[in-house]
Amino acid sequence: MRIRIDGTRAEIIDALFRLRLHFTVIGVSRAYPDRARPHHWRIYLTTSRKPPT
């Protein structure tokens, strides 16, 4: 599954920690600047479901 995250660096890091609780992160793109909003970034994640424990 591919997920897009927009926000400041702190918001993106917080979202990554929360997503890792439920998904296995396979790949992360580089951070793309959001030209409409200063200090905001966009990244793309490739994830898969975590195996049941």
Protein backbone atom coordinates (compact mmCIF):
# COMPACT_ATOMS: atom_id res chain seq x y z
CA MET A 1 0.00 0.00 0.00
CA ARG A 2 1.25 3.50 -0.76
CA ILE A 3 0.62 6.29 1.76
CA ARG A 4 1.29 10.02 1.39
CA ILE A 5 2.11 12.10 4.48
CA ASP A 6 2.08 15.92 4.44
CA GLY A 7 3.18 18.22 7.24
CA THR A 8 6.06 19.68 9.17
CA ARG A 9 9.03 17.49 10.07
CA ALA A 10 7.66 16.86 13.56
CA GLU A 11 4.23 15.88 12.20
CA ILE A 12 5.78 13.49 9.68
CA ILE A 13 7.96 11.81 12.31
CA ASP A 14 4.97 11.43 14.64
CA ALA A 15 2.91 9.89 11.82
CA LEU A 16 5.74 7.46 10.98
CA PHE A 17 5.92 6.20 14.57
CA ARG A 18 2.15 5.72 14.68
CA LEU A 19 2.00 3.94 11.31
CA ARG A 20 4.81 1.56 12.28
CA LEU A 21 2.59 0.21 15.07
CA HIS A 22 0.15 -1.20 12.49
CA PHE A 23 2.14 -1.56 9.25
CA THR A 24 5.55 -2.76 8.12
CA VAL A 25 7.27 0.12 6.31
CA ILE A 26 9.05 -1.20 3.22
CA GLY A 27 10.24 2.06 1.66
CA VAL A 28 10.26 5.81 2.21
CA SER A 29 10.71 8.45 -0.49
CA ARG A 30 12.76 11.57 -0.06
CA ALA A 31 11.04 14.62 1.45
CA TYR A 32 9.51 16.89 -1.19
CA PRO A 33 8.93 20.55 -0.21
CA ASP A 34 5.38 21.86 -0.35
CA ARG A 35 5.65 25.11 -2.29
CA ALA A 36 2.26 26.40 -1.15
CA ARG A 37 3.16 26.20 2.55
CA PRO A 38 6.60 27.03 3.94
CA HIS A 39 8.24 24.46 6.27
CA HIS A 40 5.85 21.73 5.10
CA TRP A 41 7.03 18.54 3.42
CA ARG A 42 5.52 15.55 1.63
CA ILE A 43 6.79 11.97 1.74
CA TYR A 44 5.49 8.72 0.29
CA LEU A 45 5.60 5.39 2.14
CA THR A 46 5.32 1.87 0.81
CA THR A 47 3.84 -0.39 3.48
CA SER A 48 2.47 -3.86 4.03
CA ARG A 49 0.37 -5.34 6.80
CA LYS A 50 2.14 -6.57 9.91
CA PRO A 51 1.89 -10.31 10.42
CA PRO A 52 -0.46 -11.25 13.26
CA THR A 53 1.23 -11.84 16.58
